[in-house]
C-alpha cells in the first residue's frame, strides 16, 4: 500500500497539470506601444505605434477594437493610420477611428480568411499608428482602457475572442518650448566677446610705458 500511494500522487499531479494546460487559452496576446519620441516640447507632435504579439500557433488576428486613454489637458489625438497586417486598408480591411477628450477609439475588421492573415502576420506587428500633439508641460500616460466596454477586443476570423495576457502603455515627458535668446542679448554677448581681447593689449601697453 505504501508503494502504491506515491504512484497515485504522481498520477494525480500529472492530471492536474494536464487540466491546467487544457484550461489555458490557445493564444494569449500581448499589446505594447512604441513611441517616436518619449520627450517632446509643447506644440510638437509625436506618434505612438500600437503593437500586438504572442498570438497562438496558427492563430490569426482578424479584428480588434481598442481604446487609449490619456490626460486631455496634456495631449490631443490628431490622426490614426492603420497597418497592413489585416489586409489593405479600404480594400481588405475596414477601419474606424474616433477621437474624444482624453480618449482615442480605433478598430479594424479584416475581410481576409485566416490562411491569408497568417501569411501577413509575423510574431509582432503594428495595428495602428496614432499621432498626438503636446498641449502643455507634464508627464502624460497613454494607457489601454481596460474598464470601459468593450475593453480590449481581439478576435480571430471565426469571431472567437483572443485573450490578452499583458498590456504596456507609454509615458511621454512634455517640456516647455525651447527658449531663444532675444536679439538684444545676442548683440550684447557678441559685443562683449569683441571688446574683451582689445582691453588686454592696451593694459600691457600701459605697463610697458611705466
Protein backbone atom coordinates (compact mmCIF):
# COMPACT_ATOMS: atom_id res chain seq x y z
CA UNK A 1 0.00 0.00 0.00
CA UNK A 2 2.85 2.37 0.86
CA UNK A 3 4.43 1.80 -2.55
CA UNK A 4 1.13 2.47 -4.36
CA UNK A 5 0.47 5.83 -2.66
CA UNK A 6 3.40 7.74 -4.25
CA UNK A 7 2.36 6.43 -7.67
CA UNK A 8 -1.22 7.65 -7.12
CA UNK A 9 0.09 11.07 -6.03
CA UNK A 10 2.29 11.35 -9.12
CA UNK A 11 -0.63 10.39 -11.36
CA UNK A 12 -2.90 12.94 -9.68
CA UNK A 13 -0.27 15.67 -10.08
CA UNK A 14 0.11 14.83 -13.77
CA UNK A 15 -3.66 15.01 -14.28
CA UNK A 16 -3.76 18.42 -12.58
CA UNK A 17 -1.00 19.72 -14.85
CA UNK A 18 -2.92 18.49 -17.91
CA UNK A 19 -6.12 20.12 -16.66
CA UNK A 20 -4.38 23.47 -16.20
CA UNK A 21 -2.86 23.24 -19.67
CA UNK A 22 -6.24 22.47 -21.23
CA UNK A 23 -7.88 25.34 -19.35
CA UNK A 24 -5.29 27.88 -20.59
CA UNK A 25 -6.29 29.86 -23.70
CA UNK A 26 -4.86 28.70 -27.01
CA UNK A 27 -3.26 32.09 -27.53
CA UNK A 28 -2.78 35.00 -25.14
CA UNK A 29 -1.75 38.12 -27.00
CA UNK A 30 0.41 40.94 -25.66
CA UNK A 31 -0.33 44.57 -26.55
CA UNK A 32 2.58 47.01 -26.49
CA UNK A 33 3.33 50.56 -27.61
CA UNK A 34 6.30 52.21 -29.30
CA UNK A 35 6.89 55.98 -29.26
CA UNK A 36 8.59 58.07 -31.92
CA UNK A 37 9.98 60.13 -29.03
CA UNK A 38 9.49 59.86 -25.26
CA UNK A 39 10.38 63.55 -24.74
CA UNK A 40 8.80 66.39 -26.72
CA UNK A 41 8.14 70.10 -26.33
CA UNK A 42 4.80 71.87 -26.16
CA UNK A 43 3.37 72.25 -29.66
CA UNK A 44 5.29 69.31 -31.11
CA UNK A 45 3.70 66.16 -32.50
CA UNK A 46 4.72 62.58 -31.75
CA UNK A 47 3.48 59.19 -32.88
CA UNK A 48 2.62 56.05 -30.96
CA UNK A 49 2.55 52.61 -32.59
CA UNK A 50 0.20 50.03 -31.07
CA UNK A 51 1.70 46.54 -31.49
CA UNK A 52 0.38 43.03 -30.93
CA UNK A 53 2.36 39.85 -30.44
CA UNK A 54 2.40 36.37 -28.92
CA UNK A 55 -0.60 35.06 -30.82
CA UNK A 56 -1.10 31.33 -30.56
CA UNK A 57 0.23 28.84 -33.11
CA UNK A 58 -1.72 29.01 -36.38
CA UNK A 59 -3.80 31.83 -34.89
CA UNK A 60 -4.68 34.92 -36.91
CA UNK A 61 -5.96 38.28 -35.73
CA UNK A 62 -8.97 39.24 -37.85
CA UNK A 63 -10.49 42.11 -35.85
CA UNK A 64 -9.75 44.45 -32.97
CA UNK A 65 -11.40 47.30 -31.11
CA UNK A 66 -9.17 49.21 -28.69
CA UNK A 67 -9.29 52.42 -26.68
CA UNK A 68 -6.42 54.53 -25.41
CA UNK A 69 -6.95 56.98 -22.55
CA UNK A 70 -4.82 59.98 -21.54
CA UNK A 71 -4.96 63.42 -19.92
CA UNK A 72 -6.73 65.75 -22.41
CA UNK A 73 -5.05 68.77 -20.83
CA UNK A 74 -1.62 67.48 -21.92
CA UNK A 75 -2.13 65.80 -25.31
CA UNK A 76 -4.69 65.65 -28.11
CA UNK A 77 -5.00 62.94 -30.78
CA UNK A 78 -4.64 64.12 -34.37
CA UNK A 79 -4.83 61.11 -36.68
CA UNK A 80 -4.74 57.32 -36.91
CA UNK A 81 -3.04 55.27 -39.63
CA UNK A 82 -3.73 51.55 -39.75
CA UNK A 83 -1.20 48.85 -40.56
CA UNK A 84 -1.46 46.39 -43.45
CA UNK A 85 -1.27 43.14 -41.47
CA UNK A 86 -5.05 42.74 -41.62
CA UNK A 87 -5.03 43.44 -45.35
CA UNK A 88 -5.02 46.58 -47.45
CA UNK A 89 -6.97 49.41 -45.83
CA UNK A 90 -10.34 50.12 -47.52
CA UNK A 91 -9.92 47.02 -49.69
CA UNK A 92 -9.32 44.02 -47.43
CA UNK A 93 -9.65 45.84 -44.12
CA UNK A 94 -12.42 48.10 -42.79
CA UNK A 95 -11.21 50.65 -40.24
CA UNK A 96 -12.69 53.14 -37.81
CA UNK A 97 -11.17 55.84 -35.57
CA UNK A 98 -12.98 58.17 -33.19
CA UNK A 99 -11.27 60.78 -31.03
CA UNK A 100 -12.68 62.48 -27.95
CA UNK A 101 -11.39 64.37 -24.95
CA UNK A 102 -8.96 62.01 -23.26
CA UNK A 103 -9.82 59.03 -25.46
CA UNK A 104 -8.88 57.51 -28.82
CA UNK A 105 -11.01 54.62 -30.08
CA UNK A 106 -9.73 52.68 -33.10
CA UNK A 107 -10.93 49.45 -34.66
CA UNK A 108 -10.49 47.29 -37.74
CA UNK A 109 -12.11 44.21 -39.30
CA UNK A 110 -10.37 42.11 -41.94
CA UNK A 111 -12.22 40.59 -44.89
CA UNK A 112 -9.48 38.00 -45.47
CA UNK A 113 -9.57 34.39 -44.31
CA UNK A 114 -7.27 33.03 -41.61
CA UNK A 115 -4.88 31.41 -44.09
CA UNK A 116 -4.24 34.74 -45.81
CA UNK A 117 -3.92 36.58 -42.49
CA UNK A 118 -1.40 34.11 -41.09
CA UNK A 119 0.78 34.81 -44.12
CA UNK A 120 0.59 38.56 -43.42
CA UNK A 121 1.19 38.48 -39.67
CA UNK A 122 4.68 37.98 -38.17
CA UNK A 123 5.35 37.34 -34.48
CA UNK A 124 4.91 41.01 -33.57
CA UNK A 125 3.24 43.57 -35.83
CA UNK A 126 1.67 47.05 -35.64
CA UNK A 127 -2.08 47.52 -35.58
CA UNK A 128 -2.16 51.30 -35.93
CA UNK A 129 -0.09 54.45 -35.56
CA UNK A 130 -1.66 57.34 -33.68
CA UNK A 131 -0.34 60.90 -33.85
CA UNK A 132 -0.71 63.28 -30.90
CA UNK A 133 0.02 66.97 -30.29
CA UNK A 134 1.62 68.03 -26.99
CA UNK A 135 -0.50 70.76 -25.38
CA UNK A 136 1.09 71.55 -22.01
CA UNK A 137 4.16 70.63 -19.93
CA UNK A 138 4.00 67.48 -17.83
CA UNK A 139 4.36 63.70 -17.90
CA UNK A 140 1.40 62.06 -19.62
CA UNK A 141 0.50 58.37 -19.51
CA UNK A 142 -1.17 56.84 -22.57
CA UNK A 143 -2.79 53.59 -21.48
CA UNK A 144 -5.16 50.95 -22.78
CA UNK A 145 -8.66 51.31 -21.38
CA UNK A 146 -9.42 48.06 -19.54
CA UNK A 147 -12.66 49.16 -17.87
CA UNK A 148 -14.95 50.73 -20.48
CA UNK A 149 -16.80 48.29 -22.78
CA UNK A 150 -15.72 46.66 -24.98
CA UNK A 151 -12.33 46.94 -23.25
CA UNK A 152 -9.65 45.01 -25.12
CA UNK A 153 -11.37 43.28 -28.01
CA UNK A 154 -9.31 40.99 -30.26
CA UNK A 155 -10.83 38.17 -32.30
CA UNK A 156 -9.97 35.61 -34.96
CA UNK A 157 -11.72 35.01 -38.28
CA UNK A 158 -14.45 32.93 -36.62
CA UNK A 159 -15.35 35.71 -34.18
CA UNK A 160 -13.74 33.90 -31.26
CA UNK A 161 -12.16 36.21 -28.72
CA UNK A 162 -8.38 36.19 -28.38
CA UNK A 163 -7.26 36.52 -24.78
CA UNK A 164 -4.83 39.29 -23.82
CA UNK A 165 -2.24 38.39 -21.20
CA UNK A 166 -0.48 41.76 -20.82
CA UNK A 167 -0.64 45.37 -21.94
CA UNK A 168 2.08 48.00 -21.92
CA UNK A 169 1.19 51.67 -22.35
CA UNK A 170 3.54 54.63 -22.74
CA UNK A 171 4.68 57.74 -20.85
CA UNK A 172 5.67 60.94 -22.66
CA UNK A 173 7.59 63.77 -20.99
CA UNK A 174 6.44 67.15 -22.33
CA UNK A 175 8.72 70.12 -21.74
CA UNK A 176 8.33 73.81 -22.45
CA UNK A 177 9.25 75.08 -25.89
CA UNK A 178 12.98 75.82 -26.28
CA UNK A 179 13.67 79.44 -25.40
CA UNK A 180 15.62 81.51 -27.95
CA UNK A 181 17.74 84.47 -26.68
CA UNK A 182 16.41 87.89 -27.61
CA UNK A 183 18.36 89.73 -30.35
CA UNK A 184 19.49 92.36 -27.83
CA UNK A 185 21.00 89.64 -25.63
CA UNK A 186 22.86 88.13 -28.57
CA UNK A 187 24.16 91.56 -29.55
CA UNK A 188 25.48 92.22 -26.04
CA UNK A 189 27.22 88.85 -25.91
CA UNK A 190 28.88 89.44 -29.29
CA UNK A 191 29.95 92.94 -28.28
CA UNK A 192 31.50 91.62 -25.08
CA UNK A 193 33.40 88.95 -27.00
CA UNK A 194 34.80 91.56 -29.39
CA UNK A 195 35.83 94.08 -26.75
CA UNK A 196 37.39 91.64 -24.29
CA UNK A 197 40.54 90.88 -26.35
CA UNK A 198 41.04 94.60 -27.05
CA UNK A 199 41.36 95.53 -23.39
CA UNK A 200 44.24 93.21 -22.61
CA UNK A 201 46.77 94.62 -25.11
CA UNK A 202 46.05 98.20 -24.01
CA UNK A 203 46.78 97.35 -20.35
CA UNK A 204 50.03 95.66 -21.33
CA UNK A 205 50.96 98.78 -23.27
CA UNK A 206 50.39 100.97 -20.21
CA UNK A 207 52.56 98.74 -18.02
CA UNK A 208 55.37 98.87 -20.58
CA UNK A 209 55.25 102.66 -20.62
CA UNK A 210 55.65 102.77 -16.83
